[in-house]
Amino acid sequence: MSELPGVGSFLSILGLRSIRAYIRRSHAIMMTAFFAIVYALGSMVVGSMLLLTPLSPPYYAEILWTGGAPAWNYPGVLIVQPWGVITLPFFATFAMIVVSTGVGIGMSVAVLLGIALVRNRRARAGQPATVGSVAGLTPAMIALVTLGACCSTTAAATAGVGLVGQVTGTTTNNLLVNNWFLGVFQMVVVWVALLAQELLLRIYGGLFGIASISGGPSTEGHEPRRADRKVVASAALRVGLLIGGVTWSLAMVASWTTVSPTTASPTLWFSWLVQHQLISIFAVVAALFPRGLGSAVEPRLGTLGVGILRGALLLGGLSLVVGVPPPFADGGAAGFANQLVAVLGGPSAWGASWPVFGPGPALYFNWGVQYLLLGGFAITAGLWPGRVLAFLRRSAVGASLEDGDIAFETGPPSPGIGPTELRIERAAMSGSADAANPGGGRAHT
């Protein structure tokens, strides 16, 4: 599902191969370790895993194999010394290591891209580098917002915990009791941010001297994309889908802190699998890989598999936006209309279903981004997948004209055409790449 020809397999993208190679070739491993250690220490202090205070004897260090609930804290390590206390619960420590490593990687890449930007004096080529350096800071910025949340053994990280609860539809107290979810949340969002950074390195690898690592085409000589209103709207939609998809997917996991999956009703499983995961995963993939998703779906619009996918997206989207009948609303599969009826004072016989939060920013984010945006996207993608994906591709690498699309030419160069010349092609709504490329050369989408 590569966004461009030759940028590597989907698994190599998930494994952040270009980021790791870029850091290794730049001899920035120690810088990565430094940023990771600094963030880990900050998380431990804010999350109360590290307490610096003078203590009296006895001093000891021991492994706690068991100690009661919660089970995810064991085995753990407890260290008591004259300078303070270190508490290392099992899952919280694991999450802290993963998140700190991600922050270290993201910060190192941001620094390296910033250096590349300073060295590159060409204004046009500097534009993608600027985007890349800002995106490089994204993992760190996301992690700093919820600093200490994955390590929180008390209410020390209340601000970060409250933010996580608001975007995933659960309460702060519930998250403090089930603090394993905080670690899951941070690991997922930091990894998604690194994934976006990986795509930037692969797309603009030529600007940073890593084209041979990423395998992607050089951007040397490419004209910068015109940021017209349609391109800006496409980019904004992709950002909204990414934010909504990640948080809405994690909202299912957050609900497991109150309802056990082993005892959940069929209605709840419909909500988890269709309303949450199907729509969220499709939205995230569409936001990150609009070209790859288009090349996988559009040529197969007449097949049974894609027909089932479109039907499921349409059903899930309608249930999120329009709502569901009263029996299903009571079972946990409520939509926007069901919650709106409850807020306006309607009875349960009308399908009213109370949201977790009252009127306020958390509820409006839940309604606007997770119910209406994701639900509306699922409906339109189910009805007109070609048009929706073509619109998302407007803000992908390259440029777009009208309903057209752009691909990199990878075939033998024609006279007067460089090997990295962009070829503009009309996007075929039927999904046929050949119909959009009548010139005979091989174009990739």
Protein backbone atom coordinates (compact mmCIF):
# COMPACT_ATOMS: atom_id res chain seq x y z
CA MET A 1 0.00 0.00 0.00
CA SER A 2 2.83 2.33 -0.79
CA GLU A 3 2.01 5.93 -1.58
CA LEU A 4 4.60 6.03 -4.35
CA PRO A 5 6.30 3.44 -6.53
CA GLY A 6 9.27 1.83 -4.94
CA VAL A 7 8.94 3.29 -1.47
CA GLY A 8 8.94 -0.13 0.05
CA SER A 9 6.49 -2.66 1.32
CA PHE A 10 3.68 -1.89 3.70
CA LEU A 11 5.40 -3.84 6.47
CA SER A 12 8.61 -1.85 6.07
CA ILE A 13 6.57 1.34 6.49
CA LEU A 14 5.00 -0.01 9.66
CA GLY A 15 8.47 -0.94 10.88
CA LEU A 16 9.77 2.63 10.31
CA ARG A 17 12.65 1.35 8.19
CA SER A 18 13.56 4.71 6.65
CA ILE A 19 13.54 6.51 10.00
CA ARG A 20 15.82 3.91 11.55
CA ALA A 21 18.15 3.96 8.56
CA TYR A 22 18.23 7.76 8.52
CA ILE A 23 19.23 7.91 12.20
CA ARG A 24 21.85 5.21 11.73
CA ARG A 25 23.39 6.83 8.64
CA SER A 26 23.42 10.21 10.41
CA HIS A 27 25.21 8.74 13.45
CA ALA A 28 22.44 10.07 15.68
CA ILE A 29 21.92 6.99 17.84
CA MET A 30 23.36 8.65 20.94
CA MET A 31 21.18 11.73 20.35
CA THR A 32 18.14 9.47 20.13
CA ALA A 33 19.10 7.77 23.38
CA PHE A 34 19.59 11.14 25.08
CA PHE A 35 16.12 12.40 24.13
CA ALA A 36 14.57 9.07 25.15
CA ILE A 37 16.25 9.10 28.58
CA VAL A 38 15.28 12.71 29.27
CA TYR A 39 11.65 12.02 28.39
CA ALA A 40 11.62 8.81 30.46
CA LEU A 41 12.94 10.63 33.53
CA GLY A 42 10.39 13.40 33.07
CA SER A 43 7.59 10.84 32.76
CA MET A 44 8.74 9.03 35.89
CA VAL A 45 8.80 12.23 37.92
CA VAL A 46 5.42 13.50 36.69
CA GLY A 47 3.84 10.04 36.95
CA SER A 48 5.19 9.48 40.49
CA MET A 49 7.32 6.50 39.53
CA LEU A 50 10.36 8.48 40.69
CA LEU A 51 10.19 10.38 43.99
CA LEU A 52 13.25 12.41 44.93
CA THR A 53 13.21 13.03 48.68
CA PRO A 54 15.54 12.25 51.63
CA LEU A 55 14.61 8.98 53.33
CA SER A 56 15.67 7.18 56.48
CA PRO A 57 16.66 3.48 56.58
CA PRO A 58 15.88 0.75 55.79
CA TYR A 59 17.09 0.85 52.16
CA TYR A 60 16.38 -2.01 49.80
CA ALA A 61 15.59 -3.08 46.25
CA GLU A 62 13.23 -5.96 45.54
CA ILE A 63 11.08 -7.56 42.86
CA LEU A 64 7.39 -7.71 43.72
CA TRP A 65 5.98 -10.78 42.05
CA THR A 66 2.47 -10.25 43.36
CA GLY A 67 0.68 -7.83 45.59
CA GLY A 68 -2.96 -7.92 44.66
CA ALA A 69 -4.85 -5.84 42.13
CA PRO A 70 -4.32 -4.53 39.56
CA ALA A 71 -2.67 -7.51 37.91
CA TRP A 72 -0.92 -5.49 35.15
CA ASN A 73 1.43 -3.93 37.74
CA TYR A 74 3.17 -7.24 38.48
CA PRO A 75 5.90 -8.31 38.46
CA GLY A 76 7.31 -4.93 39.45
CA VAL A 77 10.40 -3.43 41.00
CA LEU A 78 10.56 -1.29 44.17
CA ILE A 79 13.77 0.57 45.04
CA VAL A 80 14.12 2.59 48.26
CA GLN A 81 17.36 4.53 48.71
CA PRO A 82 18.53 7.60 50.69
CA TRP A 83 17.74 9.89 47.74
CA GLY A 84 14.21 8.65 47.09
CA VAL A 85 11.98 5.88 45.73
CA ILE A 86 11.67 4.25 42.31
CA THR A 87 8.52 2.26 41.56
CA LEU A 88 8.45 0.26 38.34
CA PRO A 89 5.09 -1.47 37.73
CA PHE A 90 5.29 -3.94 34.85
CA PHE A 91 3.00 -2.55 32.16
CA ALA A 92 3.53 1.11 33.02
CA THR A 93 7.29 0.59 32.73
CA PHE A 94 6.91 -1.20 29.40
CA ALA A 95 4.72 1.62 28.04
CA MET A 96 7.16 4.24 29.30
CA ILE A 97 10.07 2.55 27.50
CA VAL A 98 8.11 2.31 24.22
CA VAL A 99 6.83 5.90 24.36
CA SER A 100 10.23 7.28 25.39
CA THR A 101 11.89 5.45 22.51
CA GLY A 102 9.33 6.91 20.09
CA VAL A 103 9.90 10.41 21.43
CA GLY A 104 13.66 9.98 21.14
CA ILE A 105 13.33 8.86 17.53
CA GLY A 106 10.93 11.67 16.63
CA MET A 107 13.07 14.37 18.25
CA SER A 108 16.24 13.11 16.60
CA VAL A 109 14.64 13.09 13.16
CA ALA A 110 13.27 16.60 13.79
CA VAL A 111 16.77 17.85 14.62
CA LEU A 112 18.29 16.14 11.58
CA LEU A 113 15.63 17.54 9.25
CA GLY A 114 16.13 20.98 10.76
CA ILE A 115 19.84 20.77 9.98
CA ALA A 116 19.02 19.68 6.43
CA LEU A 117 16.70 22.66 6.10
CA VAL A 118 19.42 25.09 7.22
CA ARG A 119 21.94 23.58 4.81
CA ASN A 120 19.53 23.67 1.89
CA ARG A 121 19.28 27.25 0.69
CA ARG A 122 16.95 26.57 -2.22
CA ALA A 123 13.57 28.05 -1.39
CA ARG A 124 11.45 25.57 -3.32
CA ALA A 125 13.23 22.51 -2.05
CA GLY A 126 13.09 23.95 1.45
CA GLN A 127 9.31 23.86 1.61
CA PRO A 128 8.99 20.07 2.04
CA ALA A 129 11.92 20.17 4.45
CA THR A 130 10.06 22.68 6.58
CA VAL A 131 7.02 20.44 6.64
CA GLY A 132 9.22 17.47 7.47
CA SER A 133 10.98 19.21 10.35
CA VAL A 134 7.66 20.31 11.87
CA ALA A 135 6.22 16.82 11.45
CA GLY A 136 9.34 15.46 13.09
CA LEU A 137 8.35 17.26 16.26
CA THR A 138 4.85 15.76 16.23
CA PRO A 139 5.66 12.58 18.24
CA ALA A 140 7.34 14.67 20.91
CA MET A 141 4.52 17.23 21.05
CA ILE A 142 1.87 14.51 21.37
CA ALA A 143 3.82 12.77 24.10
CA LEU A 144 4.51 15.99 26.00
CA VAL A 145 0.78 16.80 26.13
CA THR A 146 0.20 13.59 28.08
CA LEU A 147 3.58 13.57 29.85
CA GLY A 148 3.56 11.06 32.69
CA ALA A 149 0.15 9.62 31.83
CA CYS A 150 1.47 6.16 31.00
CA CYS A 151 3.43 6.10 34.27
CA SER A 152 0.74 7.57 36.48
CA THR A 153 0.39 5.59 39.70
CA THR A 154 -1.44 8.48 41.41
CA ALA A 155 -3.29 11.58 40.24
CA ALA A 156 0.01 13.37 39.49
CA ALA A 157 -0.69 13.47 35.76
CA THR A 158 -4.31 14.55 36.09
CA ALA A 159 -4.12 17.05 33.22
CA GLY A 160 -2.84 14.46 30.76
CA VAL A 161 -5.19 11.78 32.09
CA GLY A 162 -8.15 14.13 31.76
CA LEU A 163 -7.26 14.88 28.13
CA VAL A 164 -7.01 11.18 27.30
CA GLY A 165 -10.37 10.56 28.95
CA GLN A 166 -12.08 13.36 27.04
CA VAL A 167 -10.95 12.24 23.58
CA THR A 168 -11.76 8.58 24.25
CA GLY A 169 -15.09 9.04 26.00
CA THR A 170 -14.32 7.93 29.54
CA THR A 171 -13.79 9.58 32.92
CA THR A 172 -10.55 10.55 34.64
CA ASN A 173 -11.34 8.44 37.70
CA ASN A 174 -11.97 5.40 35.52
CA LEU A 175 -8.62 5.85 33.78
CA LEU A 176 -6.74 6.25 37.05
CA VAL A 177 -8.22 2.96 38.22
CA ASN A 178 -7.49 1.28 34.86
CA ASN A 179 -4.19 3.03 34.12
CA TRP A 180 -3.12 0.35 31.62
CA PHE A 181 -5.22 2.18 29.02
CA LEU A 182 -3.10 5.31 29.41
CA GLY A 183 -0.05 3.38 28.29
CA VAL A 184 -1.92 1.88 25.34
CA PHE A 185 -3.15 5.33 24.30
CA GLN A 186 0.29 6.93 24.33
CA MET A 187 1.96 4.05 22.50
CA VAL A 188 -0.62 4.14 19.71
CA VAL A 189 -0.65 7.90 19.14
CA VAL A 190 3.16 8.21 19.20
CA TRP A 191 3.50 5.30 16.75
CA VAL A 192 0.94 6.85 14.38
CA ALA A 193 2.86 10.14 14.52
CA LEU A 194 6.10 8.29 13.70
CA LEU A 195 4.31 6.53 10.85
CA ALA A 196 3.41 9.90 9.32
CA GLN A 197 7.03 10.96 9.78
CA GLU A 198 8.18 7.79 8.01
CA LEU A 199 6.02 8.61 4.99
CA LEU A 200 7.49 12.11 4.82
CA LEU A 201 11.02 10.72 4.79
CA ARG A 202 10.14 8.29 2.02
CA ILE A 203 8.39 10.91 -0.08
CA TYR A 204 10.97 13.66 0.35
CA GLY A 205 13.97 11.41 0.88
CA GLY A 206 15.91 12.99 -1.98
CA LEU A 207 15.99 16.31 -0.15
CA PHE A 208 17.79 14.76 2.79
CA GLY A 209 20.13 12.46 0.91
CA ILE A 210 18.31 9.26 1.89
CA ALA A 211 16.68 8.28 -1.41
CA SER A 212 18.83 5.16 -1.52
CA ILE A 213 17.60 4.19 1.94
CA SER A 214 13.91 4.80 1.46
CA GLY A 215 13.83 3.65 -2.12
CA GLY A 216 11.53 6.55 -2.96
CA PRO A 217 11.89 8.85 -5.93
CA SER A 218 13.82 12.04 -5.55
CA THR A 219 11.87 15.26 -5.28
CA GLU A 220 14.65 17.13 -7.06
CA GLY A 221 13.15 19.54 -9.58
CA HIS A 222 9.55 19.02 -8.52
CA GLU A 223 7.36 22.07 -8.52
CA PRO A 224 5.75 22.63 -5.11
CA ARG A 225 2.06 21.83 -4.97
CA ARG A 226 -0.25 24.81 -5.26
CA ALA A 227 -2.03 25.25 -1.93
CA ASP A 228 -5.44 26.20 -3.29
CA ARG A 229 -8.64 25.85 -1.28
CA LYS A 230 -9.32 22.30 -2.43
CA VAL A 231 -5.83 21.14 -1.45
CA VAL A 232 -6.14 22.80 1.96
CA ALA A 233 -9.58 21.25 2.46
CA SER A 234 -8.21 17.83 1.49
CA ALA A 235 -5.30 18.16 3.93
CA ALA A 236 -7.63 19.33 6.72
CA LEU A 237 -9.93 16.37 6.10
CA ARG A 238 -7.01 13.95 6.27
CA VAL A 239 -5.85 15.44 9.58
CA GLY A 240 -9.39 15.25 10.96
CA LEU A 241 -9.78 11.64 9.85
CA LEU A 242 -6.46 10.71 11.42
CA ILE A 243 -7.29 12.33 14.76
CA GLY A 244 -10.84 11.04 14.80
CA GLY A 245 -9.90 7.54 13.64
CA VAL A 246 -7.17 7.00 16.22
CA THR A 247 -9.18 8.36 19.17
CA TRP A 248 -12.40 6.61 18.12
CA SER A 249 -10.59 3.28 17.74
CA LEU A 250 -9.05 3.69 21.20
CA ALA A 251 -12.48 4.58 22.60
CA MET A 252 -13.42 0.93 22.12
CA VAL A 253 -10.45 -0.13 24.24
CA ALA A 254 -11.41 2.49 26.84
CA SER A 255 -14.87 0.95 27.08
CA TRP A 256 -13.23 -2.31 28.11
CA THR A 257 -12.32 -0.64 31.39
CA THR A 258 -16.02 -0.77 32.32
CA VAL A 259 -17.42 -3.65 30.22
CA SER A 260 -15.64 -6.97 29.86
CA PRO A 261 -15.45 -8.20 26.23
CA THR A 262 -16.30 -11.71 27.44
CA THR A 263 -19.70 -10.59 28.74
CA ALA A 264 -20.52 -7.96 26.12
CA SER A 265 -23.83 -8.18 24.23
CA PRO A 266 -24.08 -8.65 20.43
CA THR A 267 -25.14 -5.00 20.17
CA LEU A 268 -21.94 -3.87 21.88
CA TRP A 269 -19.86 -6.10 19.62
CA PHE A 270 -21.56 -4.51 16.60
CA SER A 271 -20.66 -1.10 17.98
CA TRP A 272 -17.04 -2.12 18.65
CA LEU A 273 -16.40 -3.89 15.35
CA VAL A 274 -18.43 -1.81 12.87
CA GLN A 275 -18.97 1.62 14.42
CA HIS A 276 -15.53 1.83 16.00
CA GLN A 277 -12.91 -0.37 14.37
CA LEU A 278 -14.10 -0.69 10.76
CA ILE A 279 -14.75 3.01 10.33
CA SER A 280 -11.67 4.07 12.32
CA ILE A 281 -9.25 1.79 10.50
CA PHE A 282 -10.64 2.81 7.10
CA ALA A 283 -10.38 6.50 8.05
CA VAL A 284 -6.78 6.19 9.29
CA VAL A 285 -5.67 4.22 6.24
CA ALA A 286 -7.40 6.71 3.93
CA ALA A 287 -5.72 9.62 5.72
CA LEU A 288 -2.23 8.12 5.59
CA PHE A 289 -2.38 6.15 2.33
CA PRO A 290 -4.99 7.71 0.01
CA ARG A 291 -3.14 6.56 -3.13
CA GLY A 292 -2.53 3.05 -1.92
CA LEU A 293 -6.10 2.64 -0.71
CA GLY A 294 -7.39 3.95 -4.03
CA SER A 295 -5.26 1.51 -6.01
CA ALA A 296 -6.54 -1.35 -3.84
CA VAL A 297 -10.24 -0.43 -3.86
CA GLU A 298 -11.08 1.42 -7.08
CA PRO A 299 -10.14 -1.34 -9.57
CA ARG A 300 -12.31 -3.78 -7.56
CA LEU A 301 -15.47 -1.71 -7.15
CA GLY A 302 -17.57 -4.40 -8.82
CA THR A 303 -16.32 -7.28 -6.67
CA LEU A 304 -18.20 -8.88 -3.79
CA GLY A 305 -15.54 -8.06 -1.21
CA VAL A 306 -15.52 -4.34 -1.93
CA GLY A 307 -19.31 -4.39 -2.10
CA ILE A 308 -19.46 -5.84 1.42
CA LEU A 309 -16.97 -3.24 2.63
CA ARG A 310 -19.02 -0.40 1.12
CA GLY A 311 -22.21 -1.79 2.66
CA ALA A 312 -20.61 -2.10 6.08
CA LEU A 313 -19.22 1.44 5.88
CA LEU A 314 -22.63 2.76 4.87
CA LEU A 315 -24.35 0.89 7.70
CA GLY A 316 -21.80 1.98 10.29
CA GLY A 317 -21.84 5.59 9.09
CA LEU A 318 -25.62 5.82 9.18
CA SER A 319 -25.71 4.32 12.67
CA LEU A 320 -23.21 6.96 13.86
CA VAL A 321 -24.93 9.96 12.26
CA VAL A 322 -28.63 9.06 12.09
CA GLY A 323 -28.63 6.79 15.13
CA VAL A 324 -30.20 3.43 15.88
CA PRO A 325 -33.64 2.26 17.11
CA PRO A 326 -34.35 2.29 20.89
CA PRO A 327 -33.46 -1.36 21.64
CA PHE A 328 -30.01 -0.96 20.09
CA ALA A 329 -29.49 2.48 21.62
CA ASP A 330 -30.05 0.97 25.07
CA GLY A 331 -27.53 -1.76 24.21
CA GLY A 332 -24.63 0.64 23.62
CA ALA A 333 -24.69 1.21 19.84
CA ALA A 334 -26.08 4.74 20.00
CA GLY A 335 -25.34 7.40 17.42
CA PHE A 336 -25.28 11.18 17.31
CA ALA A 337 -29.06 11.54 16.98
CA ASN A 338 -29.66 9.23 19.95
CA GLN A 339 -27.40 11.32 22.18
CA LEU A 340 -28.86 14.58 20.89
CA VAL A 341 -32.37 13.40 21.80
CA ALA A 342 -31.15 12.62 25.33
CA VAL A 343 -29.45 16.00 25.77
CA LEU A 344 -32.62 17.76 24.56
CA GLY A 345 -34.66 15.87 27.17
CA GLY A 346 -36.29 13.21 25.00
CA PRO A 347 -37.44 9.89 26.53
CA SER A 348 -35.67 6.57 26.07
CA ALA A 349 -38.67 5.39 24.03
CA TRP A 350 -37.47 7.78 21.33
CA GLY A 351 -34.03 6.17 21.33
CA ALA A 352 -32.40 8.61 23.76
CA SER A 353 -28.96 7.54 24.99
CA TRP A 354 -26.99 9.69 27.42
CA PRO A 355 -23.38 10.49 26.47
CA VAL A 356 -20.52 10.08 28.94
CA PHE A 357 -20.00 13.85 29.21
CA GLY A 358 -22.42 16.72 29.53
CA PRO A 359 -22.41 19.69 27.15
CA GLY A 360 -18.87 21.00 26.80
CA PRO A 361 -15.66 20.65 24.74
CA ALA A 362 -15.38 16.88 25.30
CA LEU A 363 -18.93 16.22 24.10
CA TYR A 364 -18.61 18.57 21.13
CA PHE A 365 -15.35 16.90 20.08
CA ASN A 366 -17.05 13.52 20.38
CA TRP A 367 -20.01 14.66 18.29
CA GLY A 368 -18.18 16.72 15.70
CA VAL A 369 -15.09 14.60 15.01
CA GLN A 370 -15.97 11.05 16.01
CA TYR A 371 -19.68 10.83 15.18
CA LEU A 372 -20.36 13.35 12.42
CA LEU A 373 -16.99 13.54 10.66
CA LEU A 374 -16.19 9.81 10.75
CA GLY A 375 -19.81 8.83 10.21
CA GLY A 376 -20.25 11.23 7.30
CA PHE A 377 -16.97 10.05 5.78
CA ALA A 378 -18.07 6.41 6.05
CA ILE A 379 -21.39 7.21 4.35
CA THR A 380 -19.81 9.08 1.44
CA ALA A 381 -17.05 6.49 1.08
CA GLY A 382 -19.65 3.74 0.96
CA LEU A 383 -21.65 5.57 -1.73
CA TRP A 384 -18.90 7.21 -3.81
CA PRO A 385 -15.51 5.66 -2.90
CA GLY A 386 -13.78 6.85 -6.07
CA ARG A 387 -14.67 10.50 -5.59
CA VAL A 388 -13.83 10.48 -1.88
CA LEU A 389 -10.39 8.93 -2.38
CA ALA A 390 -9.68 11.23 -5.34
CA PHE A 391 -10.42 14.22 -3.11
CA LEU A 392 -8.07 12.93 -0.39
CA ARG A 393 -5.33 12.45 -2.98
CA ARG A 394 -5.36 16.17 -3.76
CA SER A 395 -3.15 16.84 -0.73
CA ALA A 396 -0.90 13.81 -1.28
CA VAL A 397 2.63 14.24 -2.64
CA GLY A 398 2.72 15.94 -6.02
CA ALA A 399 -0.22 18.09 -7.10
CA SER A 400 -3.75 17.83 -8.34
CA LEU A 401 -5.68 19.60 -11.05
CA GLU A 402 -9.48 19.58 -10.99
CA ASP A 403 -10.42 15.92 -10.44
CA GLY A 404 -7.00 14.81 -11.71
CA ASP A 405 -4.26 12.94 -9.96
CA ILE A 406 -0.50 12.83 -10.23
CA ALA A 407 1.87 9.90 -10.28
CA PHE A 408 5.59 9.54 -10.61
CA GLU A 409 6.86 8.20 -13.90
CA THR A 410 9.15 5.25 -13.31
CA GLY A 411 9.46 3.88 -16.82
CA PRO A 412 12.27 4.62 -19.28
CA PRO A 413 12.67 8.38 -19.69
CA SER A 414 11.34 9.89 -22.89
CA PRO A 415 13.34 12.51 -24.78
CA GLY A 416 13.27 15.75 -22.85
CA ILE A 417 11.63 14.17 -19.81
CA GLY A 418 13.71 13.58 -16.70
CA PRO A 419 13.39 10.35 -14.71
CA THR A 420 11.63 12.21 -11.91
CA GLU A 421 9.32 14.27 -14.08
CA LEU A 422 5.74 14.44 -12.86
CA ARG A 423 3.06 13.23 -15.23
CA ILE A 424 -0.43 14.62 -14.77
CA GLU A 425 -3.26 12.20 -15.37
CA ARG A 426 -6.98 12.35 -14.99
CA ALA A 427 -8.23 10.16 -12.14
CA ALA A 428 -10.55 7.51 -13.56
CA MET A 429 -13.66 7.32 -11.39
CA SER A 430 -14.07 3.74 -12.54
CA GLY A 431 -10.81 2.90 -10.82
CA SER A 432 -8.86 2.01 -13.96
CA ALA A 433 -5.32 3.39 -13.89
CA ASP A 434 -4.89 2.65 -17.58
CA ALA A 435 -7.91 4.78 -18.50
CA ALA A 436 -6.31 7.70 -16.69
CA ASN A 437 -3.02 7.20 -18.55
CA PRO A 438 -3.73 7.09 -22.28
CA GLY A 439 -0.16 8.11 -23.08
CA GLY A 440 1.01 4.55 -22.92
CA GLY A 441 3.66 4.98 -20.22
CA ARG A 442 3.25 3.18 -16.96
CA ALA A 443 1.90 5.36 -14.20
CA HIS A 444 1.57 4.30 -10.61
CA THR A 445 -1.09 5.37 -8.16
